[in-house]
């Protein structure tokens, strides 16, 4: 494990159970409905990709989780943990 300015620890697996960490990047989509000739909203819709919300969360099956400000992914794809600096914390 590599220390990042004594703030974060580079992780390859969950510090609590040793399981794998899954990172989810959140995106925003909309369902666009049209009004019918009768003036009601159609039951059919089109999905529109509104783009990234520029936020991510991470989790493990054991229940460990990280909010956006509790971890980062470096430019070379490494997971840096700011929440669990020592296992079991």
PDB file of N, CA and C in Angstrom:
ATOM      1  N   UNK A   1       0.837  -1.182   0.000  1.00  0.00           N
ATOM      2  CA  UNK A   1       0.000   0.000   0.000  1.00  0.00           C
ATOM      3  C   UNK A   1       0.878   1.240   0.000  1.00  0.00           C
ATOM      4  N   UNK A   2       0.457   2.218  -0.740  1.00  0.00           N
ATOM      5  CA  UNK A   2       1.224   3.451  -0.883  1.00  0.00           C
ATOM      6  C   UNK A   2       0.467   4.592  -0.211  1.00  0.00           C
ATOM      7  N   UNK A   3       1.150   5.351   0.609  1.00  0.00           N
ATOM      8  CA  UNK A   3       0.515   6.488   1.274  1.00  0.00           C
ATOM      9  C   UNK A   3       0.522   7.695   0.352  1.00  0.00           C
ATOM     10  N   UNK A   4      -0.585   8.412   0.272  1.00  0.00           N
ATOM     11  CA  UNK A   4      -0.702   9.618  -0.524  1.00  0.00           C
ATOM     12  C   UNK A   4      -0.776  10.807   0.418  1.00  0.00           C
ATOM     13  N   UNK A   5       0.375  11.430   0.668  1.00  0.00           N
ATOM     14  CA  UNK A   5       0.462  12.612   1.526  1.00  0.00           C
ATOM     15  C   UNK A   5      -0.201  12.372   2.874  1.00  0.00           C
ATOM     16  N   UNK A   6      -0.039  11.185   3.426  1.00  0.00           N
ATOM     17  CA  UNK A   6      -0.582  10.736   4.714  1.00  0.00           C
ATOM     18  C   UNK A   6      -2.099  10.866   4.795  1.00  0.00           C
ATOM     19  N   UNK A   7      -2.765  11.146   3.681  1.00  0.00           N
ATOM     20  CA  UNK A   7      -4.225  11.279   3.690  1.00  0.00           C
ATOM     21  C   UNK A   7      -4.907  10.007   3.224  1.00  0.00           C
ATOM     22  N   UNK A   8      -4.456   9.463   2.119  1.00  0.00           N
ATOM     23  CA  UNK A   8      -5.133   8.314   1.539  1.00  0.00           C
ATOM     24  C   UNK A   8      -4.200   7.134   1.362  1.00  0.00           C
ATOM     25  N   UNK A   9      -4.816   5.951   1.237  1.00  0.00           N
ATOM     26  CA  UNK A   9      -4.066   4.722   1.066  1.00  0.00           C
ATOM     27  C   UNK A   9      -4.519   4.072  -0.233  1.00  0.00           C
ATOM     28  N   UNK A  10      -3.564   3.690  -1.075  1.00  0.00           N
ATOM     29  CA  UNK A  10      -3.893   2.993  -2.305  1.00  0.00           C
ATOM     30  C   UNK A  10      -4.360   1.579  -1.964  1.00  0.00           C
ATOM     31  N   UNK A  11      -5.517   1.197  -2.496  1.00  0.00           N
ATOM     32  CA  UNK A  11      -6.100  -0.117  -2.198  1.00  0.00           C
ATOM     33  C   UNK A  11      -6.244  -0.946  -3.463  1.00  0.00           C
ATOM     34  N   UNK A  12      -6.129  -2.253  -3.292  1.00  0.00           N
ATOM     35  CA  UNK A  12      -6.415  -3.204  -4.361  1.00  0.00           C
ATOM     36  C   UNK A  12      -7.632  -4.043  -4.026  1.00  0.00           C
ATOM     37  N   UNK A  13      -8.025  -4.024  -2.741  1.00  0.00           N
ATOM     38  CA  UNK A  13      -9.184  -4.784  -2.281  1.00  0.00           C
ATOM     39  C   UNK A  13      -9.776  -4.088  -1.061  1.00  0.00           C
ATOM     40  N   UNK A  14     -10.926  -4.528  -0.627  1.00  0.00           N
ATOM     41  CA  UNK A  14     -11.617  -3.926   0.516  1.00  0.00           C
ATOM     42  C   UNK A  14     -10.781  -4.069   1.780  1.00  0.00           C
ATOM     43  N   UNK A  15     -10.594  -2.995   2.539  1.00  0.00           N
ATOM     44  CA  UNK A  15      -9.807  -3.076   3.764  1.00  0.00           C
ATOM     45  C   UNK A  15     -10.518  -3.811   4.894  1.00  0.00           C
ATOM     46  N   UNK A  16     -11.826  -3.997   4.804  1.00  0.00           N
ATOM     47  CA  UNK A  16     -12.560  -4.657   5.879  1.00  0.00           C
ATOM     48  C   UNK A  16     -12.665  -6.167   5.693  1.00  0.00           C
ATOM     49  N   UNK A  17     -12.934  -6.604   4.447  1.00  0.00           N
ATOM     50  CA  UNK A  17     -13.158  -8.042   4.236  1.00  0.00           C
ATOM     51  C   UNK A  17     -12.227  -8.666   3.214  1.00  0.00           C
ATOM     52  N   UNK A  18     -11.486  -7.872   2.466  1.00  0.00           N
ATOM     53  CA  UNK A  18     -10.595  -8.403   1.445  1.00  0.00           C
ATOM     54  C   UNK A  18     -11.293  -8.656   0.110  1.00  0.00           C
ATOM     55  N   UNK A  19     -12.572  -8.278   0.008  1.00  0.00           N
ATOM     56  CA  UNK A  19     -13.330  -8.465  -1.226  1.00  0.00           C
ATOM     57  C   UNK A  19     -13.013  -7.394  -2.258  1.00  0.00           C
ATOM     58  N   UNK A  20     -13.664  -7.504  -3.396  1.00  0.00           N
ATOM     59  CA  UNK A  20     -13.399  -6.532  -4.460  1.00  0.00           C
ATOM     60  C   UNK A  20     -14.240  -5.266  -4.259  1.00  0.00           C
ATOM     61  N   UNK A  21     -13.700  -4.150  -4.694  1.00  0.00           N
ATOM     62  CA  UNK A  21     -14.360  -2.848  -4.605  1.00  0.00           C
ATOM     63  C   UNK A  21     -14.950  -2.530  -5.969  1.00  0.00           C
ATOM     64  N   UNK A  22     -16.203  -2.106  -5.979  1.00  0.00           N
ATOM     65  CA  UNK A  22     -16.880  -1.723  -7.218  1.00  0.00           C
ATOM     66  C   UNK A  22     -17.118  -0.220  -7.200  1.00  0.00           C
ATOM     67  N   UNK A  23     -16.756   0.456  -8.287  1.00  0.00           N
ATOM     68  CA  UNK A  23     -16.913   1.903  -8.391  1.00  0.00           C
ATOM     69  C   UNK A  23     -18.021   2.187  -9.393  1.00  0.00           C
ATOM     70  N   UNK A  24     -18.967   3.044  -9.018  1.00  0.00           N
ATOM     71  CA  UNK A  24     -20.077   3.408  -9.897  1.00  0.00           C
ATOM     72  C   UNK A  24     -19.995   4.891 -10.220  1.00  0.00           C
ATOM     73  N   UNK A  25     -19.880   5.207 -11.503  1.00  0.00           N
ATOM     74  CA  UNK A  25     -19.937   6.589 -11.969  1.00  0.00           C
ATOM     75  C   UNK A  25     -21.394   6.878 -12.315  1.00  0.00           C
ATOM     76  N   UNK A  26     -21.952   7.921 -11.739  1.00  0.00           N
ATOM     77  CA  UNK A  26     -23.371   8.206 -11.888  1.00  0.00           C
ATOM     78  C   UNK A  26     -23.632   9.101 -13.090  1.00  0.00           C
ATOM     79  N   UNK A  27     -24.668   8.745 -13.841  1.00  0.00           N
ATOM     80  CA  UNK A  27     -25.084   9.494 -15.019  1.00  0.00           C
ATOM     81  C   UNK A  27     -26.537   9.896 -14.868  1.00  0.00           C
ATOM     82  N   UNK A  28     -26.938  10.865 -15.631  1.00  0.00           N
ATOM     83  CA  UNK A  28     -28.300  11.384 -15.551  1.00  0.00           C
ATOM     84  C   UNK A  28     -28.997  11.138 -16.883  1.00  0.00           C
ATOM     85  N   UNK A  29     -30.213  10.593 -16.802  1.00  0.00           N
ATOM     86  CA  UNK A  29     -31.040  10.337 -17.978  1.00  0.00           C
ATOM     87  C   UNK A  29     -32.416  10.946 -17.757  1.00  0.00           C
ATOM     88  N   UNK A  30     -33.086  11.259 -18.827  1.00  0.00           N
ATOM     89  CA  UNK A  30     -34.454  11.755 -18.697  1.00  0.00           C
ATOM     90  C   UNK A  30     -35.364  10.919 -19.579  1.00  0.00           C
ATOM     91  N   UNK A  31     -36.617  10.795 -19.164  1.00  0.00           N
ATOM     92  CA  UNK A  31     -37.669  10.187 -19.979  1.00  0.00           C
ATOM     93  C   UNK A  31     -38.499  11.338 -20.515  1.00  0.00           C
ATOM     94  N   UNK A  32     -38.526  11.495 -21.820  1.00  0.00           N
ATOM     95  CA  UNK A  32     -39.215  12.612 -22.456  1.00  0.00           C
ATOM     96  C   UNK A  32     -40.550  12.125 -23.019  1.00  0.00           C
ATOM     97  N   UNK A  33     -41.649  12.677 -22.517  1.00  0.00           N
ATOM     98  CA  UNK A  33     -43.009  12.321 -22.923  1.00  0.00           C
ATOM     99  C   UNK A  33     -43.571  13.410 -23.819  1.00  0.00           C
ATOM    100  N   UNK A  34     -44.433  13.034 -24.729  1.00  0.00           N
ATOM    101  CA  UNK A  34     -45.139  14.006 -25.559  1.00  0.00           C
ATOM    102  C   UNK A  34     -46.602  14.040 -25.153  1.00  0.00           C
ATOM    103  N   UNK A  35     -47.233  15.157 -25.425  1.00  0.00           N
ATOM    104  CA  UNK A  35     -48.670  15.260 -25.201  1.00  0.00           C
ATOM    105  C   UNK A  35     -49.390  14.684 -26.422  1.00  0.00           C
ATOM    106  N   UNK A  36     -50.443  13.933 -26.157  1.00  0.00           N
ATOM    107  CA  UNK A  36     -51.240  13.384 -27.244  1.00  0.00           C
ATOM    108  C   UNK A  36     -52.219  14.449 -27.743  1.00  0.00           C
ATOM    109  N   UNK A  37     -52.939  14.135 -28.807  1.00  0.00           N
ATOM    110  CA  UNK A  37     -53.918  15.071 -29.367  1.00  0.00           C
ATOM    111  C   UNK A  37     -55.040  15.377 -28.378  1.00  0.00           C
ATOM    112  N   UNK A  38     -55.281  14.438 -27.462  1.00  0.00           N
ATOM    113  CA  UNK A  38     -56.329  14.666 -26.463  1.00  0.00           C
ATOM    114  C   UNK A  38     -55.841  15.536 -25.304  1.00  0.00           C
ATOM    115  N   UNK A  39     -54.548  15.886 -25.305  1.00  0.00           N
ATOM    116  CA  UNK A  39     -54.006  16.746 -24.257  1.00  0.00           C
ATOM    117  C   UNK A  39     -53.453  15.983 -23.064  1.00  0.00           C
ATOM    118  N   UNK A  40     -53.381  14.657 -23.164  1.00  0.00           N
ATOM    119  CA  UNK A  40     -52.825  13.845 -22.070  1.00  0.00           C
ATOM    120  C   UNK A  40     -51.392  13.448 -22.386  1.00  0.00           C
ATOM    121  N   UNK A  41     -50.686  13.090 -21.352  1.00  0.00           N
ATOM    122  CA  UNK A  41     -49.301  12.661 -21.534  1.00  0.00           C
ATOM    123  C   UNK A  41     -49.294  11.237 -22.084  1.00  0.00           C
ATOM    124  N   UNK A  42     -48.501  11.016 -23.115  1.00  0.00           N
ATOM    125  CA  UNK A  42     -48.375   9.700 -23.733  1.00  0.00           C
ATOM    126  C   UNK A  42     -47.753   8.717 -22.747  1.00  0.00           C
ATOM    127  N   UNK A  43     -48.084   7.446 -22.903  1.00  0.00           N
ATOM    128  CA  UNK A  43     -47.463   6.413 -22.066  1.00  0.00           C
ATOM    129  C   UNK A  43     -46.088   6.038 -22.605  1.00  0.00           C
ATOM    130  N   UNK A  44     -45.831   6.378 -23.862  1.00  0.00           N
ATOM    131  CA  UNK A  44     -44.536   6.088 -24.472  1.00  0.00           C
ATOM    132  C   UNK A  44     -43.611   7.290 -24.269  1.00  0.00           C
ATOM    133  N   UNK A  45     -42.340   6.993 -24.197  1.00  0.00           N
ATOM    134  CA  UNK A  45     -41.354   8.049 -23.988  1.00  0.00           C
ATOM    135  C   UNK A  45     -40.062   7.689 -24.706  1.00  0.00           C
ATOM    136  N   UNK A  46     -39.219   8.673 -24.865  1.00  0.00           N
ATOM    137  CA  UNK A  46     -37.865   8.460 -25.360  1.00  0.00           C
ATOM    138  C   UNK A  46     -36.903   8.770 -24.222  1.00  0.00           C
ATOM    139  N   UNK A  47     -35.801   8.071 -24.207  1.00  0.00           N
ATOM    140  CA  UNK A  47     -34.791   8.284 -23.178  1.00  0.00           C
ATOM    141  C   UNK A  47     -33.706   9.187 -23.727  1.00  0.00           C
ATOM    142  N   UNK A  48     -33.342  10.194 -22.970  1.00  0.00           N
ATOM    143  CA  UNK A  48     -32.350  11.181 -23.371  1.00  0.00           C
ATOM    144  C   UNK A  48     -31.202  11.146 -22.373  1.00  0.00           C
ATOM    145  N   UNK A  49     -29.996  10.972 -22.873  1.00  0.00           N
ATOM    146  CA  UNK A  49     -28.805  10.964 -22.030  1.00  0.00           C
ATOM    147  C   UNK A  49     -28.407  12.410 -21.744  1.00  0.00           C
ATOM    148  N   UNK A  50     -28.493  12.814 -20.492  1.00  0.00           N
ATOM    149  CA  UNK A  50     -28.155  14.180 -20.095  1.00  0.00           C
ATOM    150  C   UNK A  50     -26.689  14.315 -19.682  1.00  0.00           C
ATOM    151  N   UNK A  51     -25.955  13.208 -19.695  1.00  0.00           N
ATOM    152  CA  UNK A  51     -24.523  13.254 -19.407  1.00  0.00           C
ATOM    153  C   UNK A  51     -24.174  12.886 -17.982  1.00  0.00           C
ATOM    154  N   UNK A  52     -22.914  12.982 -17.709  1.00  0.00           N
ATOM    155  CA  UNK A  52     -22.372  12.602 -16.417  1.00  0.00           C
ATOM    156  C   UNK A  52     -22.771  13.603 -15.334  1.00  0.00           C
ATOM    157  N   UNK A  53     -22.991  13.084 -14.137  1.00  0.00           N
ATOM    158  CA  UNK A  53     -23.220  13.951 -12.981  1.00  0.00           C
ATOM    159  C   UNK A  53     -21.886  14.297 -12.321  1.00  0.00           C
ATOM    160  N   UNK A  54     -20.814  13.753 -12.874  1.00  0.00           N
ATOM    161  CA  UNK A  54     -19.454  13.969 -12.393  1.00  0.00           C
ATOM    162  C   UNK A  54     -19.298  13.621 -10.916  1.00  0.00           C
ATOM    163  N   UNK A  55     -19.904  12.500 -10.535  1.00  0.00           N
ATOM    164  CA  UNK A  55     -19.761  11.997  -9.180  1.00  0.00           C
ATOM    165  C   UNK A  55     -19.695  10.471  -9.246  1.00  0.00           C
ATOM    166  N   UNK A  56     -19.000   9.889  -8.295  1.00  0.00           N
ATOM    167  CA  UNK A  56     -18.861   8.441  -8.236  1.00  0.00           C
ATOM    168  C   UNK A  56     -18.987   7.980  -6.790  1.00  0.00           C
ATOM    169  N   UNK A  57     -19.424   6.747  -6.613  1.00  0.00           N
ATOM    170  CA  UNK A  57     -19.469   6.093  -5.308  1.00  0.00           C
ATOM    171  C   UNK A  57     -18.798   4.737  -5.455  1.00  0.00           C
ATOM    172  N   UNK A  58     -18.318   4.194  -4.352  1.00  0.00           N
ATOM    173  CA  UNK A  58     -17.670   2.886  -4.365  1.00  0.00           C
ATOM    174  C   UNK A  58     -18.261   2.047  -3.249  1.00  0.00           C
ATOM    175  N   UNK A  59     -18.272   0.719  -3.463  1.00  0.00           N
ATOM    176  CA  UNK A  59     -18.838  -0.177  -2.454  1.00  0.00           C
ATOM    177  C   UNK A  59     -18.231  -1.567  -2.554  1.00  0.00           C
ATOM    178  N   UNK A  60     -18.424  -2.325  -1.491  1.00  0.00           N
ATOM    179  CA  UNK A  60     -18.021  -3.720  -1.426  1.00  0.00           C
ATOM    180  C   UNK A  60     -19.232  -4.520  -0.955  1.00  0.00           C
ATOM    181  N   UNK A  61     -19.258  -5.805  -1.266  1.00  0.00           N
ATOM    182  CA  UNK A  61     -20.377  -6.656  -0.858  1.00  0.00           C
ATOM    183  C   UNK A  61     -20.533  -6.756   0.657  1.00  0.00           C
ATOM    184  N   UNK A  62     -19.465  -6.506   1.413  1.00  0.00           N
ATOM    185  CA  UNK A  62     -19.536  -6.621   2.873  1.00  0.00           C
ATOM    186  C   UNK A  62     -20.263  -5.443   3.511  1.00  0.00           C
ATOM    187  N   UNK A  63     -20.569  -4.405   2.721  1.00  0.00           N
ATOM    188  CA  UNK A  63     -21.260  -3.241   3.259  1.00  0.00           C
ATOM    189  C   UNK A  63     -20.384  -2.006   3.362  1.00  0.00           C
ATOM    190  N   UNK A  64     -19.095  -2.161   3.142  1.00  0.00           N
ATOM    191  CA  UNK A  64     -18.219  -0.982   3.127  1.00  0.00           C
ATOM    192  C   UNK A  64     -18.591  -0.123   1.934  1.00  0.00           C
ATOM    193  N   UNK A  65     -18.614   1.192   2.141  1.00  0.00           N
ATOM    194  CA  UNK A  65     -18.934   2.092   1.030  1.00  0.00           C
ATOM    195  C   UNK A  65     -18.167   3.389   1.189  1.00  0.00           C
ATOM    196  N   UNK A  66     -17.978   4.055   0.059  1.00  0.00           N
ATOM    197  CA  UNK A  66     -17.255   5.315   0.011  1.00  0.00           C
ATOM    198  C   UNK A  66     -18.089   6.312  -0.766  1.00  0.00           C
ATOM    199  N   UNK A  67     -18.295   7.495  -0.218  1.00  0.00           N
ATOM    200  CA  UNK A  67     -18.946   8.585  -0.943  1.00  0.00           C
ATOM    201  C   UNK A  67     -17.910   9.291  -1.803  1.00  0.00           C
ATOM    202  N   UNK A  68     -18.350  10.225  -2.601  1.00  0.00           N
ATOM    203  CA  UNK A  68     -17.477  10.887  -3.578  1.00  0.00           C
ATOM    204  C   UNK A  68     -16.238  11.519  -2.952  1.00  0.00           C
ATOM    205  N   UNK A  69     -16.338  12.074  -1.745  1.00  0.00           N
ATOM    206  CA  UNK A  69     -15.186  12.746  -1.136  1.00  0.00           C
ATOM    207  C   UNK A  69     -14.335  11.824  -0.268  1.00  0.00           C
ATOM    208  N   UNK A  70     -14.641  10.529  -0.243  1.00  0.00           N
ATOM    209  CA  UNK A  70     -13.910   9.586   0.605  1.00  0.00           C
ATOM    210  C   UNK A  70     -12.942   8.706  -0.177  1.00  0.00           C
ATOM    211  N   UNK A  71     -12.846   8.914  -1.496  1.00  0.00           N
ATOM    212  CA  UNK A  71     -11.898   8.172  -2.319  1.00  0.00           C
ATOM    213  C   UNK A  71     -11.639   8.959  -3.592  1.00  0.00           C
ATOM    214  N   UNK A  72     -10.626   8.528  -4.326  1.00  0.00           N
ATOM    215  CA  UNK A  72     -10.387   9.072  -5.655  1.00  0.00           C
ATOM    216  C   UNK A  72      -9.758   7.979  -6.508  1.00  0.00           C
ATOM    217  N   UNK A  73      -9.899   8.139  -7.800  1.00  0.00           N
ATOM    218  CA  UNK A  73      -9.239   7.269  -8.756  1.00  0.00           C
ATOM    219  C   UNK A  73      -8.195   8.134  -9.450  1.00  0.00           C
ATOM    220  N   UNK A  74      -6.936   7.722  -9.354  1.00  0.00           N
ATOM    221  CA  UNK A  74      -5.850   8.515  -9.923  1.00  0.00           C
ATOM    222  C   UNK A  74      -5.879   8.454 -11.446  1.00  0.00           C
ATOM    223  N   UNK A  75      -5.062   9.271 -12.076  1.00  0.00           N
ATOM    224  CA  UNK A  75      -4.996   9.298 -13.542  1.00  0.00           C
ATOM    225  C   UNK A  75      -4.592   7.952 -14.135  1.00  0.00           C
ATOM    226  N   UNK A  76      -3.810   7.178 -13.387  1.00  0.00           N
ATOM    227  CA  UNK A  76      -3.413   5.864 -13.894  1.00  0.00           C
ATOM    228  C   UNK A  76      -4.343   4.745 -13.410  1.00  0.00           C
ATOM    229  N   UNK A  77      -5.522   5.108 -12.853  1.00  0.00           N
ATOM    230  CA  UNK A  77      -6.546   4.121 -12.517  1.00  0.00           C
ATOM    231  C   UNK A  77      -6.414   3.449 -11.163  1.00  0.00           C
ATOM    232  N   UNK A  78      -5.680   4.022 -10.258  1.00  0.00           N
ATOM    233  CA  UNK A  78      -5.520   3.440  -8.917  1.00  0.00           C
ATOM    234  C   UNK A  78      -6.570   3.998  -7.965  1.00  0.00           C
ATOM    235  N   UNK A  79      -7.076   3.144  -7.068  1.00  0.00           N
ATOM    236  CA  UNK A  79      -8.085   3.521  -6.079  1.00  0.00           C
ATOM    237  C   UNK A  79      -7.369   4.019  -4.828  1.00  0.00           C
ATOM    238  N   UNK A  80      -7.646   5.249  -4.410  1.00  0.00           N
ATOM    239  CA  UNK A  80      -7.046   5.829  -3.206  1.00  0.00           C
ATOM    240  C   UNK A  80      -8.161   6.023  -2.182  1.00  0.00           C
ATOM    241  N   UNK A  81      -8.009   5.378  -1.033  1.00  0.00           N
ATOM    242  CA  UNK A  81      -9.010   5.346   0.037  1.00  0.00           C
ATOM    243  C   UNK A  81      -8.675   6.410   1.075  1.00  0.00           C
ATOM    244  N   UNK A  82      -9.623   7.327   1.330  1.00  0.00           N
ATOM    245  CA  UNK A  82      -9.461   8.334   2.372  1.00  0.00           C
ATOM    246  C   UNK A  82     -10.285   8.011   3.609  1.00  0.00           C
ATOM    247  N   UNK A  83     -11.201   7.048   3.496  1.00  0.00           N
ATOM    248  CA  UNK A  83     -12.121   6.739   4.597  1.00  0.00           C
ATOM    249  C   UNK A  83     -11.526   5.744   5.582  1.00  0.00           C
ATOM    250  N   UNK A  84     -11.089   4.607   5.093  1.00  0.00           N
ATOM    251  CA  UNK A  84     -10.550   3.553   5.955  1.00  0.00           C
ATOM    252  C   UNK A  84      -9.034   3.575   5.852  1.00  0.00           C
ATOM    253  N   UNK A  85      -8.405   4.513   6.536  1.00  0.00           N
ATOM    254  CA  UNK A  85      -6.949   4.653   6.437  1.00  0.00           C
ATOM    255  C   UNK A  85      -6.242   3.439   7.009  1.00  0.00           C
ATOM    256  N   UNK A  86      -6.840   2.832   8.017  1.00  0.00           N
ATOM    257  CA  UNK A  86      -6.315   1.586   8.572  1.00  0.00           C
ATOM    258  C   UNK A  86      -7.453   0.595   8.596  1.00  0.00           C
ATOM    259  N   UNK A  87      -7.173  -0.647   8.309  1.00  0.00           N
ATOM    260  CA  UNK A  87      -8.225  -1.674   8.275  1.00  0.00           C
ATOM    261  C   UNK A  87      -8.950  -1.720   9.606  1.00  0.00           C
ATOM    262  N   UNK A  88     -10.289  -1.786   9.533  1.00  0.00           N
ATOM    263  CA  UNK A  88     -11.094  -1.854  10.731  1.00  0.00           C
ATOM    264  C   UNK A  88     -11.434  -0.516  11.337  1.00  0.00           C
ATOM    265  N   UNK A  89     -11.012   0.565  10.700  1.00  0.00           N
ATOM    266  CA  UNK A  89     -11.285   1.903  11.235  1.00  0.00           C
ATOM    267  C   UNK A  89     -12.743   2.266  11.050  1.00  0.00           C
TER     268      UNK A  89
END
